C-alpha atoms as a PDB file:
ATOM      1  CA  MET A   1       0.000   0.000   0.000  1.00  0.00           C
ATOM      2  CA  ASN A   2       1.464   3.372  -0.977  1.00  0.00           C
ATOM      3  CA  ASN A   3       1.414   6.312   1.421  1.00  0.00           C
ATOM      4  CA  LYS A   4      -1.524   8.023  -0.274  1.00  0.00           C
ATOM      5  CA  ASP A   5      -3.701   4.918  -0.037  1.00  0.00           C
ATOM      6  CA  LEU A   6      -2.554   4.300   3.533  1.00  0.00           C
ATOM      7  CA  VAL A   7      -3.547   7.792   4.676  1.00  0.00           C
ATOM      8  CA  LEU A   8      -6.904   7.583   2.907  1.00  0.00           C
ATOM      9  CA  LYS A   9      -7.606   4.222   4.543  1.00  0.00           C
ATOM     10  CA  ALA A  10      -6.540   5.432   7.992  1.00  0.00           C
ATOM     11  CA  VAL A  11      -8.455   8.706   7.797  1.00  0.00           C
ATOM     12  CA  GLY A  12     -11.495   6.877   6.444  1.00  0.00           C
ATOM     13  CA  GLU A  13     -11.589   4.629   9.514  1.00  0.00           C
ATOM     14  CA  LEU A  14     -10.745   7.406  11.972  1.00  0.00           C
ATOM     15  CA  PHE A  15     -12.945  10.230  10.675  1.00  0.00           C
ATOM     16  CA  GLY A  16     -15.287   8.441   8.301  1.00  0.00           C
ATOM     17  CA  ASP A  17     -16.189   5.456  10.470  1.00  0.00           C
ATOM     18  CA  LYS A  18     -15.396   7.475  13.631  1.00  0.00           C
ATOM     19  CA  ASP A  19     -13.716   4.385  15.033  1.00  0.00           C
ATOM     20  CA  PRO A  20     -11.364   5.087  17.983  1.00  0.00           C
ATOM     21  CA  SER A  21      -9.873   1.582  17.669  1.00  0.00           C
ATOM     22  CA  ALA A  22      -8.427   2.621  14.287  1.00  0.00           C
ATOM     23  CA  VAL A  23      -5.771   4.471  16.302  1.00  0.00           C
ATOM     24  CA  ASP A  24      -4.320   1.068  17.258  1.00  0.00           C
ATOM     25  CA  ARG A  25      -4.114  -0.020  13.608  1.00  0.00           C
ATOM     26  CA  TRP A  26      -2.874   3.159  11.947  1.00  0.00           C
ATOM     27  CA  VAL A  27      -1.193   5.520  14.411  1.00  0.00           C
ATOM     28  CA  ALA A  28       2.409   5.307  15.623  1.00  0.00           C
ATOM     29  CA  PRO A  29       3.023   5.228  19.397  1.00  0.00           C
ATOM     30  CA  THR A  30       5.212   8.329  18.926  1.00  0.00           C
ATOM     31  CA  TYR A  31       2.515  10.242  16.985  1.00  0.00           C
ATOM     32  CA  ARG A  32       3.441  13.935  16.982  1.00  0.00           C
ATOM     33  CA  GLN A  33       0.664  16.493  16.776  1.00  0.00           C
ATOM     34  CA  HIS A  34       0.863  20.077  15.482  1.00  0.00           C
ATOM     35  CA  SER A  35      -2.872  20.824  15.268  1.00  0.00           C
ATOM     36  CA  ALA A  36      -4.529  23.337  17.578  1.00  0.00           C
ATOM     37  CA  LEU A  37      -7.412  20.881  18.030  1.00  0.00           C
ATOM     38  CA  ALA A  38      -5.714  17.995  19.842  1.00  0.00           C
ATOM     39  CA  GLY A  39      -2.950  17.167  22.261  1.00  0.00           C
ATOM     40  CA  ASP A  40       0.128  15.142  21.450  1.00  0.00           C
ATOM     41  CA  GLY A  41       0.215  11.377  21.016  1.00  0.00           C
ATOM     42  CA  PRO A  42      -2.178   8.646  19.926  1.00  0.00           C
ATOM     43  CA  GLU A  43      -4.383   8.783  23.026  1.00  0.00           C
ATOM     44  CA  ALA A  44      -5.288  12.427  22.397  1.00  0.00           C
ATOM     45  CA  LEU A  45      -6.252  11.474  18.832  1.00  0.00           C
ATOM     46  CA  ARG A  46      -8.318   8.577  20.178  1.00  0.00           C
ATOM     47  CA  ASP A  47     -10.161  10.991  22.493  1.00  0.00           C
ATOM     48  CA  LEU A  48     -10.812  13.359  19.580  1.00  0.00           C
ATOM     49  CA  VAL A  49     -12.260  10.582  17.406  1.00  0.00           C
ATOM     50  CA  ALA A  50     -14.378   9.300  20.296  1.00  0.00           C
ATOM     51  CA  SER A  51     -15.823  12.787  20.787  1.00  0.00           C
ATOM     52  CA  LEU A  52     -17.111  13.138  17.215  1.00  0.00           C
ATOM     53  CA  GLY A  53     -20.882  13.487  17.018  1.00  0.00           C
ATOM     54  CA  ASP A  54     -23.384  11.863  14.701  1.00  0.00           C
ATOM     55  CA  ASP A  55     -23.428  14.992  12.527  1.00  0.00           C
ATOM     56  CA  PHE A  56     -19.678  14.881  11.923  1.00  0.00           C
ATOM     57  CA  ARG A  57     -18.482  14.070   8.411  1.00  0.00           C
ATOM     58  CA  TYR A  58     -15.497  14.810   6.195  1.00  0.00           C
ATOM     59  CA  GLU A  59     -15.853  15.778   2.538  1.00  0.00           C
ATOM     60  CA  ARG A  60     -12.557  15.263   0.701  1.00  0.00           C
ATOM     61  CA  ALA A  61     -11.735  17.470  -2.276  1.00  0.00           C
ATOM     62  CA  ARG A  62      -8.238  16.296  -3.279  1.00  0.00           C
ATOM     63  CA  VAL A  63      -5.158  14.462  -2.072  1.00  0.00           C
ATOM     64  CA  VAL A  64      -1.488  15.093  -2.912  1.00  0.00           C
ATOM     65  CA  ALA A  65       1.426  12.860  -1.909  1.00  0.00           C
ATOM     66  CA  ASP A  66       5.075  13.878  -1.695  1.00  0.00           C
ATOM     67  CA  GLY A  67       7.349  11.142  -0.348  1.00  0.00           C
ATOM     68  CA  ASP A  68       6.396  10.393   3.240  1.00  0.00           C
ATOM     69  CA  LEU A  69       4.005  13.387   3.410  1.00  0.00           C
ATOM     70  CA  VAL A  70       0.373  13.248   2.259  1.00  0.00           C
ATOM     71  CA  VAL A  71      -1.848  16.332   1.953  1.00  0.00           C
ATOM     72  CA  LEU A  72      -5.635  16.183   2.222  1.00  0.00           C
ATOM     73  CA  HIS A  73      -7.791  19.146   1.212  1.00  0.00           C
ATOM     74  CA  GLY A  74     -11.456  19.113   2.122  1.00  0.00           C
ATOM     75  CA  VAL A  75     -14.270  20.239   4.412  1.00  0.00           C
ATOM     76  CA  TYR A  76     -15.136  19.093   7.930  1.00  0.00           C
ATOM     77  CA  HIS A  77     -18.778  19.224   8.944  1.00  0.00           C
ATOM     78  CA  GLY A  78     -19.705  18.937  12.620  1.00  0.00           C
ATOM     79  CA  PHE A  79     -16.497  20.084  14.312  1.00  0.00           C
ATOM     80  CA  GLY A  80     -18.448  23.201  15.262  1.00  0.00           C
ATOM     81  CA  PRO A  81     -21.516  25.185  14.253  1.00  0.00           C
ATOM     82  CA  GLU A  82     -20.137  25.904  10.762  1.00  0.00           C
ATOM     83  CA  PRO A  83     -18.204  23.809   8.234  1.00  0.00           C
ATOM     84  CA  LEU A  84     -14.426  24.167   8.239  1.00  0.00           C
ATOM     85  CA  VAL A  85     -12.230  24.088   5.143  1.00  0.00           C
ATOM     86  CA  ALA A  86      -9.084  22.160   5.991  1.00  0.00           C
ATOM     87  CA  PHE A  87      -5.649  21.230   4.805  1.00  0.00           C
ATOM     88  CA  ASP A  88      -4.258  18.200   6.659  1.00  0.00           C
ATOM     89  CA  ILE A  89      -0.695  16.951   6.251  1.00  0.00           C
ATOM     90  CA  PHE A  90       0.242  13.496   7.543  1.00  0.00           C
ATOM     91  CA  ARG A  91       3.750  12.076   7.714  1.00  0.00           C
ATOM     92  CA  VAL A  92       3.913   8.313   7.272  1.00  0.00           C
ATOM     93  CA  GLU A  93       6.628   6.209   8.897  1.00  0.00           C
ATOM     94  CA  ASP A  94       6.809   2.395   8.847  1.00  0.00           C
ATOM     95  CA  GLY A  95       3.203   2.081   7.667  1.00  0.00           C
ATOM     96  CA  ARG A  96       1.753   4.327  10.373  1.00  0.00           C
ATOM     97  CA  LEU A  97       0.647   7.929  10.777  1.00  0.00           C
ATOM     98  CA  ALA A  98       3.588   9.490  12.614  1.00  0.00           C
ATOM     99  CA  GLU A  99       2.959  13.247  12.485  1.00  0.00           C
ATOM    100  CA  HIS A 100       0.181  15.689  11.589  1.00  0.00           C
ATOM    101  CA  TRP A 101      -0.169  19.379  10.705  1.00  0.00           C
ATOM    102  CA  ASP A 102      -3.322  21.238   9.684  1.00  0.00           C
ATOM    103  CA  ALA A 103      -4.965  24.552   8.839  1.00  0.00           C
ATOM    104  CA  LEU A 104      -8.705  25.094   9.290  1.00  0.00           C
ATOM    105  CA  VAL A 105     -10.800  28.132   8.323  1.00  0.00           C
ATOM    106  CA  PRO A 106     -14.566  28.756   8.140  1.00  0.00           C
ATOM    107  CA  TYR A 107     -16.388  27.782   4.977  1.00  0.00           C
ATOM    108  CA  VAL A 108     -17.623  30.863   3.089  1.00  0.00           C
ATOM    109  CA  GLU A 109     -20.925  30.483   1.266  1.00  0.00           C
ATOM    110  CA  HIS A 110     -20.580  33.420  -1.155  1.00  0.00           C
ATOM    111  CA  THR A 111     -17.169  34.145  -2.687  1.00  0.00           C
ATOM    112  CA  VAL A 112     -15.968  36.937  -4.982  1.00  0.00           C
ATOM    113  CA  SER A 113     -15.011  34.511  -7.770  1.00  0.00           C
ATOM    114  CA  GLY A 114     -18.170  32.425  -7.453  1.00  0.00           C
ATOM    115  CA  ARG A 115     -16.041  29.330  -6.799  1.00  0.00           C
ATOM    116  CA  SER A 116     -15.977  27.477  -3.522  1.00  0.00           C
ATOM    117  CA  GLN A 117     -12.859  27.150  -1.373  1.00  0.00           C
ATOM    118  CA  THR A 118     -12.433  23.523  -2.463  1.00  0.00           C
ATOM    119  CA  ASP A 119     -14.015  22.969  -5.892  1.00  0.00           C
ATOM    120  CA  GLY A 120     -12.055  22.560  -9.111  1.00  0.00           C
ATOM    121  CA  PRO A 121      -9.784  19.816 -10.484  1.00  0.00           C
ATOM    122  CA  ASP A 122      -9.289  17.003  -8.003  1.00  0.00           C
ATOM    123  CA  ARG A 123      -6.986  14.572  -9.808  1.00  0.00           C
ATOM    124  CA  VAL A 124      -3.218  14.958  -9.927  1.00  0.00           C
ATOM    125  CA  GLY A 125      -1.932  15.267 -13.478  1.00  0.00           C
ATOM    126  CA  ASP A 126       1.377  15.859 -15.255  1.00  0.00           C
ATOM    127  CA  PRO A 127       3.449  13.649 -12.904  1.00  0.00           C
ATOM    128  CA  GLU A 128       6.670  14.158 -14.884  1.00  0.00           C
ATOM    129  CA  ALA A 129       6.512  17.902 -14.083  1.00  0.00           C
ATOM    130  CA  THR A 130       6.622  17.448 -10.297  1.00  0.00           C
ATOM    131  CA  GLU A 131      10.152  18.714  -9.680  1.00  0.00           C
ATOM    132  CA  ALA A 132       9.961  21.538 -12.224  1.00  0.00           C
ATOM    133  CA  ASN A 133       6.705  22.716 -10.653  1.00  0.00           C
ATOM    134  CA  ARG A 134       8.178  22.458  -7.161  1.00  0.00           C
ATOM    135  CA  ALA A 135      11.172  24.553  -8.227  1.00  0.00           C
ATOM    136  CA  LEU A 136       9.003  27.213  -9.861  1.00  0.00           C
ATOM    137  CA  VAL A 137       6.669  27.549  -6.864  1.00  0.00           C
ATOM    138  CA  THR A 138       9.598  27.542  -4.425  1.00  0.00           C
ATOM    139  CA  GLU A 139      11.101  30.490  -6.309  1.00  0.00           C
ATOM    140  CA  TYR A 140       7.685  32.186  -6.395  1.00  0.00           C
ATOM    141  CA  ALA A 141       7.250  31.687  -2.647  1.00  0.00           C
ATOM    142  CA  GLU A 142      10.665  33.127  -1.839  1.00  0.00           C
ATOM    143  CA  LYS A 143      10.645  36.057  -4.266  1.00  0.00           C
ATOM    144  CA  VAL A 144       6.971  37.050  -4.481  1.00  0.00           C
ATOM    145  CA  LEU A 145       5.327  35.818  -1.284  1.00  0.00           C
ATOM    146  CA  LYS A 146       8.194  36.213   1.186  1.00  0.00           C
ATOM    147  CA  GLY A 147      10.151  38.811  -0.805  1.00  0.00           C
ATOM    148  CA  ALA A 148       6.939  40.774  -1.543  1.00  0.00           C
ATOM    149  CA  ASP A 149       8.133  41.644  -5.063  1.00  0.00           C
ATOM    150  CA  TYR A 150       4.796  41.425  -6.847  1.00  0.00           C
ATOM    151  CA  THR A 151       6.294  42.870 -10.037  1.00  0.00           C
ATOM    152  CA  LEU A 152       7.633  39.339 -10.621  1.00  0.00           C
ATOM    153  CA  SER A 153       4.162  37.726 -10.461  1.00  0.00           C
ATOM    154  CA  THR A 154       3.737  37.513 -14.226  1.00  0.00           C
ATOM    155  CA  HIS A 155       6.932  35.469 -14.455  1.00  0.00           C
ATOM    156  CA  PHE A 156       5.241  32.701 -12.441  1.00  0.00           C
ATOM    157  CA  THR A 157       1.499  33.163 -12.985  1.00  0.00           C
ATOM    158  CA  SER A 158      -0.438  32.765 -16.214  1.00  0.00           C
ATOM    159  CA  SER A 159      -1.677  36.047 -17.671  1.00  0.00           C
ATOM    160  CA  GLU A 160      -4.510  34.175 -19.412  1.00  0.00           C
ATOM    161  CA  THR A 161      -5.886  31.884 -16.716  1.00  0.00           C
ATOM    162  CA  TYR A 162      -5.596  32.348 -12.962  1.00  0.00           C
ATOM    163  CA  LEU A 163      -8.585  30.806 -11.199  1.00  0.00           C
ATOM    164  CA  GLN A 164      -9.036  31.971  -7.638  1.00  0.00           C
ATOM    165  CA  HIS A 165     -10.603  30.129  -4.673  1.00  0.00           C
ATOM    166  CA  ASN A 166      -9.680  32.567  -1.923  1.00  0.00           C
ATOM    167  CA  PRO A 167     -13.184  33.736  -0.935  1.00  0.00           C
ATOM    168  CA  GLU A 168     -12.294  37.455  -1.033  1.00  0.00           C
ATOM    169  CA  ALA A 169     -10.327  37.584  -4.304  1.00  0.00           C
ATOM    170  CA  GLY A 170     -11.441  37.575  -7.917  1.00  0.00           C
ATOM    171  CA  ASP A 171      -9.778  35.785 -10.811  1.00  0.00           C
ATOM    172  CA  GLY A 172      -6.505  36.911 -12.364  1.00  0.00           C
ATOM    173  CA  LEU A 173      -3.645  38.904 -10.922  1.00  0.00           C
ATOM    174  CA  GLU A 174      -5.867  41.971 -10.997  1.00  0.00           C
ATOM    175  CA  GLY A 175      -8.401  40.160  -8.797  1.00  0.00           C
ATOM    176  CA  PHE A 176      -5.764  39.407  -6.198  1.00  0.00           C
ATOM    177  CA  GLY A 177      -4.409  42.947  -6.436  1.00  0.00           C
ATOM    178  CA  ALA A 178      -7.853  44.417  -5.761  1.00  0.00           C
ATOM    179  CA  ALA A 179      -8.331  42.107  -2.777  1.00  0.00           C
ATOM    180  CA  ALA A 180      -4.878  42.977  -1.398  1.00  0.00           C
ATOM    181  CA  ALA A 181      -5.756  46.682  -1.601  1.00  0.00           C
ATOM    182  CA  ARG A 182      -8.975  46.090   0.329  1.00  0.00           C
ATOM    183  CA  TRP A 183      -7.111  44.044   2.944  1.00  0.00           C
ATOM    184  CA  ALA A 184      -4.488  46.772   3.370  1.00  0.00           C
ATOM    185  CA  GLU A 185      -7.241  49.346   3.959  1.00  0.00           C
ATOM    186  CA  ARG A 186      -8.436  47.138   6.833  1.00  0.00           C
ATOM    187  CA  GLY A 187      -4.928  46.819   8.284  1.00  0.00           C
ATOM    188  CA  LYS A 188      -4.414  43.287   6.931  1.00  0.00           C
ATOM    189  CA  LYS A 189      -1.273  43.517   4.848  1.00  0.00           C
ATOM    190  CA  VAL A 190      -0.108  40.162   3.449  1.00  0.00           C
ATOM    191  CA  VAL A 191       3.302  39.439   5.003  1.00  0.00           C
ATOM    192  CA  TYR A 192       5.171  36.123   4.734  1.00  0.00           C
ATOM    193  CA  SER A 193       8.048  35.807   7.215  1.00  0.00           C
ATOM    194  CA  ALA A 194       8.948  32.146   6.622  1.00  0.00           C
ATOM    195  CA  ILE A 195       8.327  29.304   4.169  1.00  0.00           C
ATOM    196  CA  HIS A 196       8.249  25.963   5.994  1.00  0.00           C
ATOM    197  CA  LYS A 197       7.267  23.393   3.366  1.00  0.00           C
ATOM    198  CA  VAL A 198       6.851  23.125  -0.394  1.00  0.00           C
ATOM    199  CA  LEU A 199       5.116  19.834  -1.222  1.00  0.00           C
ATOM    200  CA  ALA A 200       4.533  18.757  -4.807  1.00  0.00           C
ATOM    201  CA  GLU A 201       2.925  16.031  -6.857  1.00  0.00           C
ATOM    202  CA  GLY A 202       2.431  16.562 -10.571  1.00  0.00           C
ATOM    203  CA  ASP A 203       0.553  19.777 -11.277  1.00  0.00           C
ATOM    204  CA  PHE A 204      -0.244  20.528  -7.603  1.00  0.00           C
ATOM    205  CA  VAL A 205       2.136  22.310  -5.214  1.00  0.00           C
ATOM    206  CA  LEU A 206       1.374  23.256  -1.592  1.00  0.00           C
ATOM    207  CA  VAL A 207       3.301  26.013   0.191  1.00  0.00           C
ATOM    208  CA  VAL A 208       3.148  26.133   4.001  1.00  0.00           C
ATOM    209  CA  GLY A 209       4.335  29.400   5.504  1.00  0.00           C
ATOM    210  CA  GLU A 210       3.729  31.842   8.303  1.00  0.00           C
ATOM    211  CA  GLY A 211       3.578  35.576   8.714  1.00  0.00           C
ATOM    212  CA  GLU A 212       1.157  38.386   9.397  1.00  0.00           C
ATOM    213  CA  PHE A 213      -2.328  39.111   8.069  1.00  0.00           C
ATOM    214  CA  GLY A 214      -3.472  41.655  10.606  1.00  0.00           C
ATOM    215  CA  VAL A 215      -2.509  39.059  13.231  1.00  0.00           C
ATOM    216  CA  PRO A 216       0.060  36.223  13.211  1.00  0.00           C
ATOM    217  CA  VAL A 217      -1.161  33.563  10.773  1.00  0.00           C
ATOM    218  CA  ALA A 218      -0.286  30.317   9.056  1.00  0.00           C
ATOM    219  CA  TYR A 219      -0.432  30.383   5.263  1.00  0.00           C
ATOM    220  CA  TYR A 220      -1.420  27.250   3.353  1.00  0.00           C
ATOM    221  CA  ASP A 221      -1.395  27.992  -0.403  1.00  0.00           C
ATOM    222  CA  LEU A 222      -2.193  25.264  -2.915  1.00  0.00           C
ATOM    223  CA  PHE A 223      -1.334  25.989  -6.546  1.00  0.00           C
ATOM    224  CA  ARG A 224      -2.171  24.137  -9.753  1.00  0.00           C
ATOM    225  CA  LEU A 225       0.211  24.625 -12.655  1.00  0.00           C
ATOM    226  CA  ALA A 226      -0.058  24.129 -16.395  1.00  0.00           C
ATOM    227  CA  ASP A 227       2.668  24.635 -19.001  1.00  0.00           C
ATOM    228  CA  GLY A 228       5.084  26.018 -16.423  1.00  0.00           C
ATOM    229  CA  LYS A 229       2.732  28.659 -14.992  1.00  0.00           C
ATOM    230  CA  ILE A 230       0.452  28.928 -11.952  1.00  0.00           C
ATOM    231  CA  VAL A 231      -3.164  28.752 -13.179  1.00  0.00           C
ATOM    232  CA  GLU A 232      -5.223  28.100 -10.016  1.00  0.00           C
ATOM    233  CA  HIS A 233      -5.024  28.831  -6.290  1.00  0.00           C
ATOM    234  CA  TRP A 234      -6.679  27.601  -3.100  1.00  0.00           C
ATOM    235  CA  ASP A 235      -5.722  28.668   0.411  1.00  0.00           C
ATOM    236  CA  ALA A 236      -6.368  28.698   4.149  1.00  0.00           C
ATOM    237  CA  ILE A 237      -5.107  31.487   6.416  1.00  0.00           C
ATOM    238  CA  PRO A 238      -5.847  30.586  10.057  1.00  0.00           C
ATOM    239  CA  PRO A 239      -4.649  32.754  12.956  1.00  0.00           C
ATOM    240  CA  ILE A 240      -1.869  31.289  15.063  1.00  0.00           C
ATOM    241  CA  PRO A 241      -3.305  30.632  18.538  1.00  0.00           C
ATOM    242  CA  ALA A 242      -1.569  32.090  21.571  1.00  0.00           C
ATOM    243  CA  GLU A 243      -1.553  28.638  23.182  1.00  0.00           C
ATOM    244  CA  LEU A 244      -1.563  25.079  21.845  1.00  0.00           C
ATOM    245  CA  PRO A 245      -2.520  21.804  23.580  1.00  0.00           C
ATOM    246  CA  HIS A 246       1.059  20.546  23.059  1.00  0.00           C
ATOM    247  CA  ASP A 247       4.615  21.894  22.826  1.00  0.00           C
ATOM    248  CA  ASN A 248       5.247  21.033  19.159  1.00  0.00           C
ATOM    249  CA  GLY A 249       4.270  24.314  17.492  1.00  0.00           C
ATOM    250  CA  LEU A 250       2.086  24.634  14.402  1.00  0.00           C
ATOM    251  CA  PHE A 251       4.918  24.047  11.947  1.00  0.00           C
END
């Protein structure tokens, strides 16, 4: 079983079947947690699964695998009063879930682009382009996102097609520019201070970073590429909590 299939099987039993005993089958004894929702170790995960109500369900949008790391993108229903859009990253070691990171933000019903935060292509394509796409997005993250040199955007992003899933931004570079201007007026300047991960499979690349967006935040940006250019973008920008239920940090 490859890592992608393993994570889908494990998550299906844990959060689909809501079976606490799945922890014994799929989770390493040294399981390391970075989420703000649970404490460290397998027993904290078992308690979380056991607490899930009848109305809880997970709606998966897409899955991306990069070596021992597997990314899930989807929507949780029943964690709270409103659905939560989520990126989950699991590290697999010796056939078990060994580590987990996530980013969760509220689901927005009406978006500027008319697209949802999770719709769009859901199958990984162009597998031979994985490393070229990773390199391009890594350079984009360092120079444009972290370096804040938006004059370089057209070098990385298609001028013909840039489909946006951020709920407050329209399509194209002009759509993002208009949203960024509105954010700045509200004191929410987009600032990236660090890039922690760049995970890639085929035409999908996920950047995990942190910075400021009015308050300290985590940035999870998922890009789809075609012909060497970024053509689509999904994201989640959760605030970094002042306290976590463990000592592992969010990243």
